[in-house]
Structures are given as C-alpha cells and as structure tokens.
Amino acid sequence: MTILRIQICCLLFCASLYICHGLFCLPEDHAALFIFGDSIFDVGNNNYINTTTDFQANFWPYGDTSFKYPSGRPSDGRLIPDFIAEYVKLPLIPPYLQPGFHQCTDGANFASAGGGALVETNQGFVIDLKSQLKYFSEVERMMKQKVGDEEARRLLSKAIFLFSIGFNDYFVRLNSNSTKIGQNYVDMVIGNLTSVVKEIYNKGGRKFGFLNLPPLGCLPVVKALIPPTKDGCVEEVTQFVKLHNEALSEALHGLQTQLKGFKYSYIDFYTSLNERIKAPSKYEDGKAVEDKEVALEWAFQMVNVGSEWKSVQSEARECMNGGWFLNSGSGL
C-alpha cells in the first residue's frame, strides 16, 4: 500500500510539471521560438516562393558541413536560431512555408533571405516583414485552435521572438547607386520594425531578441559597388549603419518604457563582426568550440530574457565566431 501511495505521489508530481490539453501535453516551462528576418535567420522559406536563385540557397555548396545537402540556409552549416533551438531542447525550427506537419507550439521561422522591414525592399522576390507578421497571425490562430485562447496567450507570453532585419533595406539603395540615406529613411525602417513588434506584443509576446546591423561598409559585396576609403571600408555606408543602430537602440528602450512587461536583448552584431574583420587571428578555428559553448550559454540566457542584458552582451559577442556566424548569411 505504501509503495502504491509513493507511485501515485510521483505520478502527480510529474503531471504537475506538464500542462495538458486532451492527449497533447507541454512542459510547464515550455518556450517557443518565433523567428523573423532576412538571410541571417532564413532556414529555407525562399525555397517555397516564386523567386530567383539570387534569393535562394537550395544548391551546392550551401549546407555542405552540417546537413550534407542544401537545406535552404544561406550558410554551409547551421544558423543562430538552430543553435538556440538545440540548446533549449526544441527541434530545429523549420521554415514556415515548408509543406507538412508543423508543431506550432514549438514556434515557427518566417525569415526570408533578401527580406526587409520595408515592403518595397526586393518586392515580389522575398517575404517582407509585414508579410512575415501575417504568417505569424496564422500560427497564432492555429495555436488557439489547438490549446485554446487562454493557453495560447500564456505560451506566447513565454515565447522568444527573434529579429534580424534592416540590411536589405539599405543594400537595395546602395545597389541603385544611392549612398544618400538620411535620418528620415532610417526612421521609416525602424518604424516598420517597431510597429510589427507592437502587434506581436498586443497578441501576447513579451520576450524579444534583436541583432543590430553589421559594418556593411566593410563587407566585400558593398566594397565591390563603392570604392572603399583608406581603412578598407566604405565610410559613408558605415555612417548610416551607425544611424540605424543608434535609432534601433533608442526605439527598443522606448518600447520598454511604454509597454508593460516588454523585455528584450540587443545584441551588438556591429562590434562582433568588426572585431573579427580587424583581428581575424583571434577567431581561428581552434577557438570555434570555445565560442560555440559561449553561444549556447547566451541561448540559455535568452530564454530567461530580462531587460537589455548588458551583462550578457560581452558574452554574446564571443558566440559569433567566424566558423559559424559569419557564414550564417550571404548578405541577402
């Protein structure tokens, strides 16, 4: 009889760690991952839209290291969201547009290589941020059907929403031989991003992660369009990237002030990549394993996101080693 009581108590304790809806159960601390952005985060959505190979990565040598086939990621291996999902014991989050069954309670990836915050950016060839938001609304609807309105809102409040967007909004201007990008244009890009964030907040989202823009003026694809200055980078491009990053930081601080319970991480991609450009020998392959461990620690911190995580930023810079981060996007 005593053994039976112990078994019943153990069963009740284990059951308390899960929230069930019929035969469908989730751990109480389950956190989904919803991903928005461009090629830095795109795991293959562009495989399923009517576009050109300029915006796809479904051919060799993409995917050569991790998957042994071109998965649609603009990388030879995995991307940042893949590492985060792995660390928090989620399956790799597939592209939203991939046919087949999707476990919506694990999250979804809406990112599209070439996509921008502005609808006009590479229009007709990519999935812009507003369209990515529409896809998220469809997932929200499916989640409510599966677990009910109240539980869906609870899951969204615990979920992580990742953003990497803006590169292409500026790159298309550079590609049209225009380096005159002023504050008004930057404000449009930031305004579109923050409007999407507010809509997700209104649907229940509370935890967000953002990458700022890298030093675009130092990237080979930009230097091929515009002659660099003596330091090897295109100074006029660097200036508007700094404008964007400052505006993004200020906008997120403003959202935190305005929106109750809004929490975010601001990862300094600019400094991370710039350090690797200036001192590549510090980030040789021998350091890749160490950097990956820090990356996974950063992933753990992301699930428990607090405010701006200034204490985490120095670690986050270390996670973006040349072995897997610099290959995570093709500049689309």
Protein backbone atom coordinates (compact mmCIF):
# COMPACT_ATOMS: atom_id res chain seq x y z
CA MET A 1 0.00 0.00 0.00
CA THR A 2 2.85 2.36 0.89
CA ILE A 3 4.54 1.66 -2.45
CA LEU A 4 1.29 2.40 -4.29
CA ARG A 5 0.97 5.74 -2.47
CA ILE A 6 4.54 6.65 -3.39
CA GLN A 7 3.90 5.77 -7.03
CA ILE A 8 0.72 7.88 -7.07
CA CYS A 9 2.56 10.83 -5.48
CA CYS A 10 5.36 10.56 -8.06
CA LEU A 11 2.80 10.44 -10.86
CA LEU A 12 1.01 13.52 -9.53
CA PHE A 13 4.31 15.39 -9.14
CA CYS A 14 5.38 14.58 -12.70
CA ALA A 15 1.96 15.54 -14.02
CA SER A 16 2.27 18.93 -12.29
CA LEU A 17 5.30 19.69 -14.47
CA TYR A 18 3.18 19.48 -17.63
CA ILE A 19 0.13 21.29 -18.96
CA CYS A 20 -2.13 19.01 -20.96
CA HIS A 21 -4.93 19.54 -23.44
CA GLY A 22 -6.52 16.20 -24.13
CA LEU A 23 -3.71 13.90 -25.26
CA PHE A 24 -1.44 16.86 -26.01
CA CYS A 25 0.95 17.91 -23.21
CA LEU A 26 3.70 20.51 -22.86
CA PRO A 27 6.23 21.11 -20.08
CA GLU A 28 5.12 23.98 -17.87
CA ASP A 29 8.29 25.93 -18.70
CA HIS A 30 7.99 25.31 -22.47
CA ALA A 31 9.18 28.31 -24.51
CA ALA A 32 8.53 28.52 -28.25
CA LEU A 33 10.82 30.27 -30.72
CA PHE A 34 9.42 32.63 -33.37
CA ILE A 35 11.93 33.97 -35.90
CA PHE A 36 11.63 36.99 -38.21
CA GLY A 37 14.15 38.49 -40.56
CA ASP A 38 16.45 38.04 -43.53
CA SER A 39 19.22 35.65 -44.61
CA ILE A 40 20.88 35.72 -41.19
CA PHE A 41 17.90 33.70 -39.90
CA ASP A 42 16.30 32.20 -43.06
CA VAL A 43 16.28 28.39 -42.90
CA GLY A 44 14.67 27.86 -46.29
CA ASN A 45 11.41 29.81 -46.72
CA ASN A 46 12.61 31.11 -50.07
CA ASN A 47 12.62 27.52 -51.37
CA TYR A 48 8.83 27.75 -51.43
CA ILE A 49 8.17 31.13 -53.04
CA ASN A 50 8.29 32.28 -56.64
CA THR A 51 11.70 33.97 -56.71
CA THR A 52 15.12 33.70 -58.37
CA THR A 53 18.27 31.88 -57.33
CA ASP A 54 19.68 35.26 -56.24
CA PHE A 55 17.47 34.88 -53.17
CA GLN A 56 17.77 31.13 -52.63
CA ALA A 57 20.33 28.77 -51.13
CA ASN A 58 18.99 25.40 -52.25
CA PHE A 59 22.06 24.37 -54.25
CA TRP A 60 25.65 23.30 -53.58
CA PRO A 61 27.83 24.30 -51.71
CA TYR A 62 25.21 25.55 -49.24
CA GLY A 63 24.65 23.12 -46.36
CA ASP A 64 27.86 21.22 -47.08
CA THR A 65 29.07 20.89 -43.47
CA SER A 66 26.13 20.28 -41.14
CA PHE A 67 23.39 18.86 -43.33
CA LYS A 68 25.36 17.41 -46.25
CA TYR A 69 22.73 18.86 -48.56
CA PRO A 70 21.50 22.41 -49.36
CA SER A 71 18.75 22.97 -46.78
CA GLY A 72 17.89 26.47 -47.96
CA ARG A 73 20.01 28.16 -45.30
CA PRO A 74 22.39 30.76 -46.83
CA SER A 75 25.23 29.04 -45.00
CA ASP A 76 27.44 25.98 -45.18
CA GLY A 77 26.14 24.99 -41.76
CA ARG A 78 23.58 25.92 -39.13
CA LEU A 79 22.29 29.37 -38.22
CA ILE A 80 21.87 31.17 -34.89
CA PRO A 81 18.23 30.05 -34.38
CA ASP A 82 19.33 26.43 -34.90
CA PHE A 83 21.84 26.65 -32.05
CA ILE A 84 19.33 28.34 -29.76
CA ALA A 85 16.63 25.74 -30.51
CA GLU A 86 19.09 22.92 -29.89
CA TYR A 87 20.20 24.33 -26.56
CA VAL A 88 16.68 24.83 -25.19
CA LYS A 89 15.78 21.30 -26.32
CA LEU A 90 13.47 22.31 -29.13
CA PRO A 91 13.64 20.63 -32.53
CA LEU A 92 15.22 22.72 -35.29
CA ILE A 93 12.50 25.20 -36.22
CA PRO A 94 11.64 24.55 -39.90
CA PRO A 95 10.73 27.20 -42.46
CA TYR A 96 7.10 28.17 -42.03
CA LEU A 97 6.35 27.60 -45.72
CA GLN A 98 7.75 24.06 -45.75
CA PRO A 99 4.90 21.64 -46.54
CA GLY A 100 3.91 19.10 -43.93
CA PHE A 101 3.05 18.97 -40.25
CA HIS A 102 4.24 21.84 -38.05
CA GLN A 103 4.28 21.75 -34.26
CA CYS A 104 3.11 25.37 -33.87
CA THR A 105 3.65 25.27 -30.12
CA ASP A 106 7.40 24.94 -30.72
CA GLY A 107 7.43 28.13 -32.79
CA ALA A 108 7.99 28.99 -36.43
CA ASN A 109 10.60 30.58 -38.69
CA PHE A 110 9.29 33.24 -41.09
CA ALA A 111 12.63 34.78 -42.15
CA SER A 112 13.32 35.33 -45.84
CA ALA A 113 16.70 35.98 -47.46
CA GLY A 114 16.51 39.41 -49.09
CA GLY A 115 13.60 40.48 -46.91
CA GLY A 116 13.39 43.91 -45.37
CA ALA A 117 11.39 45.99 -42.93
CA LEU A 118 10.04 47.96 -45.89
CA VAL A 119 7.53 46.31 -48.22
CA GLU A 120 9.31 47.82 -51.25
CA THR A 121 12.62 46.09 -50.49
CA ASN A 122 13.16 43.39 -53.17
CA GLN A 123 9.38 43.40 -53.60
CA GLY A 124 7.99 40.39 -55.42
CA PHE A 125 11.05 38.23 -54.71
CA VAL A 126 11.03 37.88 -50.91
CA ILE A 127 8.80 37.84 -47.83
CA ASP A 128 8.85 41.30 -46.25
CA LEU A 129 8.44 41.83 -42.51
CA LYS A 130 4.73 42.75 -42.70
CA SER A 131 4.04 39.52 -44.61
CA GLN A 132 6.03 37.58 -42.01
CA LEU A 133 3.74 39.09 -39.37
CA LYS A 134 0.69 37.85 -41.32
CA TYR A 135 2.15 34.34 -41.28
CA PHE A 136 2.65 34.64 -37.52
CA SER A 137 -1.02 35.59 -37.15
CA GLU A 138 -1.92 32.35 -38.94
CA VAL A 139 0.23 30.39 -36.48
CA GLU A 140 -1.43 32.20 -33.58
CA ARG A 141 -4.82 31.15 -34.93
CA MET A 142 -3.69 27.50 -35.25
CA MET A 143 -2.30 27.60 -31.72
CA LYS A 144 -5.61 28.86 -30.33
CA GLN A 145 -7.43 26.05 -32.11
CA LYS A 146 -5.04 23.50 -30.63
CA VAL A 147 -4.77 24.64 -26.99
CA GLY A 148 -7.43 27.32 -26.53
CA ASP A 149 -7.22 31.11 -26.33
CA GLU A 150 -6.00 31.36 -22.74
CA GLU A 151 -3.24 28.77 -23.06
CA ALA A 152 -2.15 30.19 -26.44
CA ARG A 153 -1.69 33.61 -24.87
CA ARG A 154 0.28 32.06 -22.00
CA LEU A 155 2.55 30.26 -24.47
CA LEU A 156 3.11 33.47 -26.44
CA SER A 157 4.00 35.34 -23.23
CA LYS A 158 6.76 32.80 -22.56
CA ALA A 159 7.95 32.55 -26.19
CA ILE A 160 11.08 34.21 -27.61
CA PHE A 161 10.73 36.44 -30.68
CA LEU A 162 13.98 36.90 -32.63
CA PHE A 163 14.61 39.64 -35.22
CA SER A 164 17.40 40.29 -37.72
CA ILE A 165 16.16 42.85 -40.24
CA GLY A 166 17.28 46.04 -41.99
CA PHE A 167 20.34 45.03 -44.01
CA ASN A 168 18.45 44.74 -47.28
CA ASP A 169 16.54 47.98 -46.84
CA TYR A 170 19.88 49.78 -47.11
CA PHE A 171 21.57 47.41 -49.52
CA VAL A 172 18.94 47.97 -52.22
CA ARG A 173 19.68 51.69 -52.02
CA LEU A 174 23.39 51.02 -52.42
CA ASN A 175 22.69 48.71 -55.34
CA SER A 176 20.85 51.58 -57.04
CA ASN A 177 23.98 53.75 -56.66
CA SER A 178 22.47 55.81 -53.84
CA THR A 179 24.54 56.32 -50.70
CA LYS A 180 22.48 59.31 -49.58
CA ILE A 181 20.49 57.70 -46.80
CA GLY A 182 19.30 60.17 -44.22
CA GLN A 183 17.54 60.08 -40.89
CA ASN A 184 14.07 60.03 -42.49
CA TYR A 185 14.82 56.77 -44.31
CA VAL A 186 16.29 55.23 -41.15
CA ASP A 187 13.18 56.29 -39.23
CA MET A 188 10.98 54.51 -41.81
CA VAL A 189 12.93 51.25 -41.42
CA ILE A 190 12.87 51.44 -37.61
CA GLY A 191 9.21 52.49 -37.62
CA ASN A 192 8.16 49.45 -39.64
CA LEU A 193 10.09 47.15 -37.32
CA THR A 194 8.66 48.64 -34.13
CA SER A 195 5.10 48.52 -35.50
CA VAL A 196 5.48 44.75 -36.02
CA VAL A 197 6.93 44.35 -32.52
CA LYS A 198 3.95 46.23 -31.05
CA GLU A 199 1.49 43.98 -32.88
CA ILE A 200 3.22 40.88 -31.51
CA TYR A 201 3.14 42.45 -28.05
CA ASN A 202 -0.60 43.04 -28.41
CA LYS A 203 -1.00 39.34 -29.22
CA GLY A 204 0.80 38.39 -26.01
CA GLY A 205 4.52 38.41 -26.88
CA ARG A 206 6.80 39.76 -24.15
CA LYS A 207 10.35 38.49 -24.77
CA PHE A 208 12.31 39.73 -27.78
CA GLY A 209 15.84 39.48 -29.16
CA PHE A 210 17.36 41.83 -31.77
CA LEU A 211 20.57 41.86 -33.80
CA ASN A 212 21.72 45.30 -34.90
CA LEU A 213 23.29 45.83 -38.33
CA PRO A 214 26.84 44.68 -39.08
CA PRO A 215 29.50 47.06 -40.52
CA LEU A 216 28.07 46.95 -44.02
CA GLY A 217 30.74 49.29 -45.35
CA CYS A 218 33.36 46.61 -44.69
CA LEU A 219 31.59 43.76 -46.49
CA PRO A 220 33.09 42.65 -49.84
CA VAL A 221 29.73 42.86 -51.62
CA VAL A 222 29.47 46.55 -50.68
CA LYS A 223 33.10 47.34 -51.48
CA ALA A 224 32.54 45.85 -54.93
CA LEU A 225 29.89 48.52 -55.52
CA ILE A 226 31.62 51.51 -53.90
CA PRO A 227 35.39 52.11 -53.67
CA PRO A 228 36.48 51.87 -50.03
CA THR A 229 38.46 54.53 -48.16
CA LYS A 230 41.97 54.05 -46.80
CA ASP A 231 40.84 51.87 -43.87
CA GLY A 232 39.40 49.36 -46.35
CA CYS A 233 35.73 50.16 -45.64
CA VAL A 234 33.16 52.49 -47.22
CA GLU A 235 32.83 55.32 -44.71
CA GLU A 236 29.55 56.83 -45.95
CA VAL A 237 27.90 53.41 -45.58
CA THR A 238 29.31 52.95 -42.10
CA GLN A 239 27.78 56.27 -41.06
CA PHE A 240 24.18 55.35 -41.90
CA VAL A 241 24.63 51.91 -40.33
CA LYS A 242 25.56 53.70 -37.11
CA LEU A 243 22.48 55.90 -37.51
CA HIS A 244 20.32 52.78 -37.80
CA ASN A 245 21.87 51.04 -34.81
CA GLU A 246 21.54 54.10 -32.59
CA ALA A 247 17.91 54.56 -33.66
CA LEU A 248 17.16 50.87 -33.03
CA SER A 249 18.67 51.00 -29.54
CA GLU A 250 16.66 54.13 -28.68
CA ALA A 251 13.45 52.68 -30.11
CA LEU A 252 13.76 49.50 -28.06
CA HIS A 253 14.43 51.49 -24.91
CA GLY A 254 11.31 53.50 -25.70
CA LEU A 255 9.23 50.35 -26.14
CA GLN A 256 10.43 49.03 -22.81
CA THR A 257 9.25 52.25 -21.20
CA GLN A 258 5.88 52.24 -22.98
CA LEU A 259 4.91 48.56 -22.90
CA LYS A 260 4.40 46.86 -19.56
CA GLY A 261 6.34 43.59 -19.32
CA PHE A 262 8.28 44.16 -22.56
CA LYS A 263 11.73 42.56 -22.24
CA TYR A 264 14.46 42.45 -24.83
CA SER A 265 18.05 41.65 -25.71
CA TYR A 266 20.02 43.93 -28.01
CA ILE A 267 22.97 42.04 -29.49
CA ASP A 268 25.79 44.18 -30.87
CA PHE A 269 26.39 42.42 -34.18
CA TYR A 270 28.25 45.50 -35.46
CA THR A 271 31.02 45.28 -32.88
CA SER A 272 31.16 41.49 -33.04
CA LEU A 273 31.79 41.37 -36.78
CA ASN A 274 34.01 44.44 -36.79
CA GLU A 275 36.32 42.81 -34.23
CA ARG A 276 36.67 39.78 -36.49
CA ILE A 277 37.43 41.93 -39.51
CA LYS A 278 40.09 43.91 -37.65
CA ALA A 279 41.68 40.96 -35.80
CA PRO A 280 40.78 37.69 -37.58
CA SER A 281 43.63 35.73 -35.99
CA LYS A 282 41.83 35.90 -32.62
CA TYR A 283 38.99 33.86 -34.08
CA GLU A 284 40.73 30.97 -35.79
CA ASP A 285 39.19 27.51 -35.99
CA GLY A 286 40.87 26.43 -32.79
CA LYS A 287 38.69 28.82 -30.86
CA ALA A 288 35.46 27.72 -32.53
CA VAL A 289 34.50 25.12 -29.90
CA GLU A 290 35.02 27.58 -27.05
CA ASP A 291 32.98 30.23 -28.85
CA LYS A 292 30.17 27.77 -29.53
CA GLU A 293 29.94 26.97 -25.83
CA VAL A 294 29.52 30.67 -25.09
CA ALA A 295 26.91 30.85 -27.84
CA LEU A 296 24.90 28.14 -26.14
CA GLU A 297 25.21 29.90 -22.79
CA TRP A 298 23.84 33.01 -24.49
CA ALA A 299 20.96 30.91 -25.79
CA PHE A 300 20.17 29.82 -22.23
CA GLN A 301 20.15 33.44 -21.08
CA MET A 302 17.80 34.32 -23.95
CA VAL A 303 15.08 32.01 -22.67
CA ASN A 304 15.19 33.90 -19.38
CA VAL A 305 15.48 37.31 -21.05
CA GLY A 306 15.43 40.21 -18.65
CA SER A 307 15.86 43.76 -19.86
CA GLU A 308 18.62 44.90 -22.18
CA TRP A 309 21.05 42.23 -20.85
CA LYS A 310 24.06 44.49 -20.78
CA SER A 311 25.75 41.79 -18.70
CA VAL A 312 25.24 39.27 -21.50
CA GLN A 313 26.37 41.41 -24.41
CA SER A 314 30.09 40.81 -23.92
CA GLU A 315 29.45 37.05 -23.95
CA ALA A 316 27.16 37.34 -26.96
CA ARG A 317 29.94 38.96 -28.98
CA GLU A 318 32.13 35.94 -28.32
CA CYS A 319 29.49 33.50 -29.59
CA MET A 320 29.56 34.93 -33.09
CA ASN A 321 32.78 33.31 -34.24
CA GLY A 322 33.84 33.22 -37.86
CA GLY A 323 33.32 29.47 -38.01
CA TRP A 324 29.54 29.61 -37.99
CA PHE A 325 28.26 33.15 -37.53
CA LEU A 326 29.98 34.88 -40.42
CA ASN A 327 28.77 32.11 -42.71
CA SER A 328 25.21 32.43 -41.46
CA GLY A 329 24.12 34.87 -44.14
CA SER A 330 25.13 35.59 -47.69
CA GLY A 331 24.43 39.28 -47.44
CA LEU A 332 20.94 38.89 -48.89
